[in-house]
C-alpha atoms as a PDB file:
ATOM      1  CA  MET A   1      -9.426  23.745  39.260  1.00  0.00           C
ATOM      2  CA  SER A   2      -6.998  23.012  42.047  1.00  0.00           C
ATOM      3  CA  GLU A   3      -3.673  24.770  42.243  1.00  0.00           C
ATOM      4  CA  HIS A   4      -1.929  21.398  42.058  1.00  0.00           C
ATOM      5  CA  SER A   5      -3.948  19.739  39.296  1.00  0.00           C
ATOM      6  CA  CYS A   6      -2.632  18.820  35.872  1.00  0.00           C
ATOM      7  CA  ASN A   7      -2.775  21.682  33.339  1.00  0.00           C
ATOM      8  CA  TYR A   8      -3.624  19.326  30.446  1.00  0.00           C
ATOM      9  CA  VAL A   9      -7.031  19.621  28.754  1.00  0.00           C
ATOM     10  CA  ASN A  10      -9.787  17.535  30.422  1.00  0.00           C
ATOM     11  CA  CYS A  11      -7.464  16.268  33.180  1.00  0.00           C
ATOM     12  CA  GLN A  12      -8.153  16.720  36.876  1.00  0.00           C
ATOM     13  CA  ASN A  13      -5.379  14.409  38.148  1.00  0.00           C
ATOM     14  CA  ARG A  14      -2.884  15.589  40.735  1.00  0.00           C
ATOM     15  CA  ALA A  15       0.221  17.179  39.197  1.00  0.00           C
ATOM     16  CA  SER A  16       3.520  15.411  39.829  1.00  0.00           C
ATOM     17  CA  TYR A  17       5.864  17.195  37.415  1.00  0.00           C
ATOM     18  CA  ILE A  18       6.568  20.719  36.229  1.00  0.00           C
ATOM     19  CA  VAL A  19       7.689  21.170  32.613  1.00  0.00           C
ATOM     20  CA  THR A  20       8.953  24.476  31.201  1.00  0.00           C
ATOM     21  CA  PHE A  21       8.050  25.456  27.632  1.00  0.00           C
ATOM     22  CA  ASP A  22       9.171  28.863  26.352  1.00  0.00           C
ATOM     23  CA  GLY A  23       9.845  30.106  29.884  1.00  0.00           C
ATOM     24  CA  ARG A  24       6.386  29.163  31.193  1.00  0.00           C
ATOM     25  CA  HIS A  25       5.875  26.421  33.784  1.00  0.00           C
ATOM     26  CA  TYR A  26       3.142  23.820  33.345  1.00  0.00           C
ATOM     27  CA  GLN A  27       2.118  21.194  35.874  1.00  0.00           C
ATOM     28  CA  LEU A  28       1.556  17.691  34.503  1.00  0.00           C
ATOM     29  CA  CYS A  29       0.312  14.459  36.038  1.00  0.00           C
ATOM     30  CA  LYS A  30       2.306  11.255  35.617  1.00  0.00           C
ATOM     31  CA  THR A  31       0.235  10.150  32.614  1.00  0.00           C
ATOM     32  CA  HIS A  32       0.715  13.348  30.620  1.00  0.00           C
ATOM     33  CA  PHE A  33       4.397  13.634  31.569  1.00  0.00           C
ATOM     34  CA  ARG A  34       4.866  10.075  30.294  1.00  0.00           C
ATOM     35  CA  ARG A  35       3.201  11.140  27.012  1.00  0.00           C
ATOM     36  CA  VAL A  36       5.722  13.995  26.676  1.00  0.00           C
ATOM     37  CA  VAL A  37       8.623  11.594  27.288  1.00  0.00           C
ATOM     38  CA  ASN A  38       7.227   9.043  24.826  1.00  0.00           C
ATOM     39  CA  ALA A  39       6.701  11.727  22.158  1.00  0.00           C
ATOM     40  CA  MET A  40      10.283  12.910  22.577  1.00  0.00           C
ATOM     41  CA  THR A  41      11.545   9.316  22.458  1.00  0.00           C
ATOM     42  CA  LYS A  42       9.674   8.668  19.206  1.00  0.00           C
ATOM     43  CA  ILE A  43      11.092  11.855  17.675  1.00  0.00           C
ATOM     44  CA  ALA A  44      14.602  10.847  18.775  1.00  0.00           C
ATOM     45  CA  VAL A  45      14.288   7.366  17.268  1.00  0.00           C
ATOM     46  CA  ILE A  46      13.120   8.722  13.907  1.00  0.00           C
ATOM     47  CA  TYR A  47      15.244  11.890  13.611  1.00  0.00           C
ATOM     48  CA  GLY A  48      18.278  11.000  15.740  1.00  0.00           C
ATOM     49  CA  ASN A  49      17.663  13.542  18.514  1.00  0.00           C
ATOM     50  CA  SER A  50      14.894  15.445  20.248  1.00  0.00           C
ATOM     51  CA  LYS A  51      14.471  18.514  22.404  1.00  0.00           C
ATOM     52  CA  LEU A  52      11.569  20.283  24.084  1.00  0.00           C
ATOM     53  CA  GLU A  53      11.389  22.712  21.168  1.00  0.00           C
ATOM     54  CA  ASP A  54      10.130  19.781  19.060  1.00  0.00           C
ATOM     55  CA  LEU A  55       6.903  19.949  21.072  1.00  0.00           C
ATOM     56  CA  LYS A  56       4.460  22.843  20.976  1.00  0.00           C
ATOM     57  CA  VAL A  57       1.966  23.949  23.630  1.00  0.00           C
ATOM     58  CA  ARG A  58      -1.499  24.884  22.372  1.00  0.00           C
ATOM     59  CA  LYS A  59      -3.947  26.662  24.661  1.00  0.00           C
ATOM     60  CA  GLU A  60      -7.462  25.205  24.780  1.00  0.00           C
ATOM     61  CA  ARG A  61     -10.203  26.319  27.161  1.00  0.00           C
ATOM     62  CA  GLY A  62      -7.709  27.730  29.647  1.00  0.00           C
ATOM     63  CA  ARG A  63      -5.683  24.513  29.642  1.00  0.00           C
ATOM     64  CA  ILE A  64      -2.899  23.167  27.429  1.00  0.00           C
ATOM     65  CA  ARG A  65      -2.424  20.469  24.828  1.00  0.00           C
ATOM     66  CA  ILE A  66       1.075  19.378  23.827  1.00  0.00           C
ATOM     67  CA  VAL A  67       1.586  18.460  20.168  1.00  0.00           C
ATOM     68  CA  SER A  68       4.618  17.473  18.135  1.00  0.00           C
ATOM     69  CA  THR A  69       5.980  19.919  15.572  1.00  0.00           C
ATOM     70  CA  ARG A  70       7.703  17.061  13.738  1.00  0.00           C
ATOM     71  CA  LYS A  71       5.774  14.382  11.891  1.00  0.00           C
ATOM     72  CA  VAL A  72       5.918  10.981  13.603  1.00  0.00           C
ATOM     73  CA  SER A  73       4.208   8.055  11.889  1.00  0.00           C
ATOM     74  CA  LYS A  74       3.746   4.783  13.717  1.00  0.00           C
ATOM     75  CA  GLU A  75       5.057   2.728  10.782  1.00  0.00           C
ATOM     76  CA  LYS A  76       8.219   4.794  10.430  1.00  0.00           C
ATOM     77  CA  PHE A  77       8.827   4.689  14.196  1.00  0.00           C
ATOM     78  CA  LEU A  78       8.460   0.885  14.354  1.00  0.00           C
ATOM     79  CA  LYS A  79      10.742   0.485  11.324  1.00  0.00           C
ATOM     80  CA  HIS A  80      13.484   2.617  12.914  1.00  0.00           C
ATOM     81  CA  LEU A  81      13.015   0.958  16.311  1.00  0.00           C
ATOM     82  CA  GLU A  82      13.392  -2.484  14.743  1.00  0.00           C
ATOM     83  CA  ARG A  83      16.614  -1.350  13.066  1.00  0.00           C
ATOM     84  CA  LEU A  84      17.974   0.167  16.299  1.00  0.00           C
ATOM     85  CA  LYS A  85      17.127  -2.641  18.682  1.00  0.00           C
ATOM     86  CA  LYS A  86      19.946  -4.887  17.510  1.00  0.00           C
ATOM     87  CA  TYR A  87      22.469  -2.112  18.272  1.00  0.00           C
ATOM     88  CA  GLU A  88      21.007  -0.466  21.342  1.00  0.00           C
ATOM     89  CA  GLY A  89      19.405  -3.393  23.148  1.00  0.00           C
ATOM     90  CA  VAL A  90      15.917  -1.945  22.735  1.00  0.00           C
ATOM     91  CA  LYS A  91      13.167  -4.474  23.278  1.00  0.00           C
ATOM     92  CA  LYS A  92      10.011  -4.686  21.200  1.00  0.00           C
ATOM     93  CA  ARG A  93       7.064  -2.730  22.689  1.00  0.00           C
ATOM     94  CA  TYR A  94       9.453  -0.930  25.030  1.00  0.00           C
ATOM     95  CA  VAL A  95       9.906   2.808  24.674  1.00  0.00           C
ATOM     96  CA  ALA A  96      11.766   4.165  27.689  1.00  0.00           C
ATOM     97  CA  SER A  97      12.395   3.612  31.360  1.00  0.00           C
ATOM     98  CA  PHE A  98      13.740   5.671  34.187  1.00  0.00           C
ATOM     99  CA  SER A  99      15.643   4.359  37.149  1.00  0.00           C
ATOM    100  CA  LYS A 100      16.312   6.189  40.331  1.00  0.00           C
ATOM    101  CA  THR A 101      19.964   6.267  41.284  1.00  0.00           C
ATOM    102  CA  SER A 102      21.346   7.555  44.518  1.00  0.00           C
ATOM    103  CA  LYS A 103      24.841   8.681  45.301  1.00  0.00           C
ATOM    104  CA  SER A 104      26.350   7.252  48.448  1.00  0.00           C
END
């Protein structure tokens, strides 16, 4: 296991992000970081807000697995997303995007 590899179970990809849960730092690759962001987005759509405390880190074989502490069903998420898209400009099959902005 490389010092800079993803800490997620069964992942050997290069880590690109560091996420802090309960004061501990975990290195994640782009794929697993995107899963964290998507999980938080789904929780926010259904419950109105989300925070890192809504996700829990489980240790498995010396690695981690991140799971949601709040129930998120696909049907309920799609129903809420459909209701929100007319107000927020959310497109179908589109969860979140990040843009890089620079200050001049």
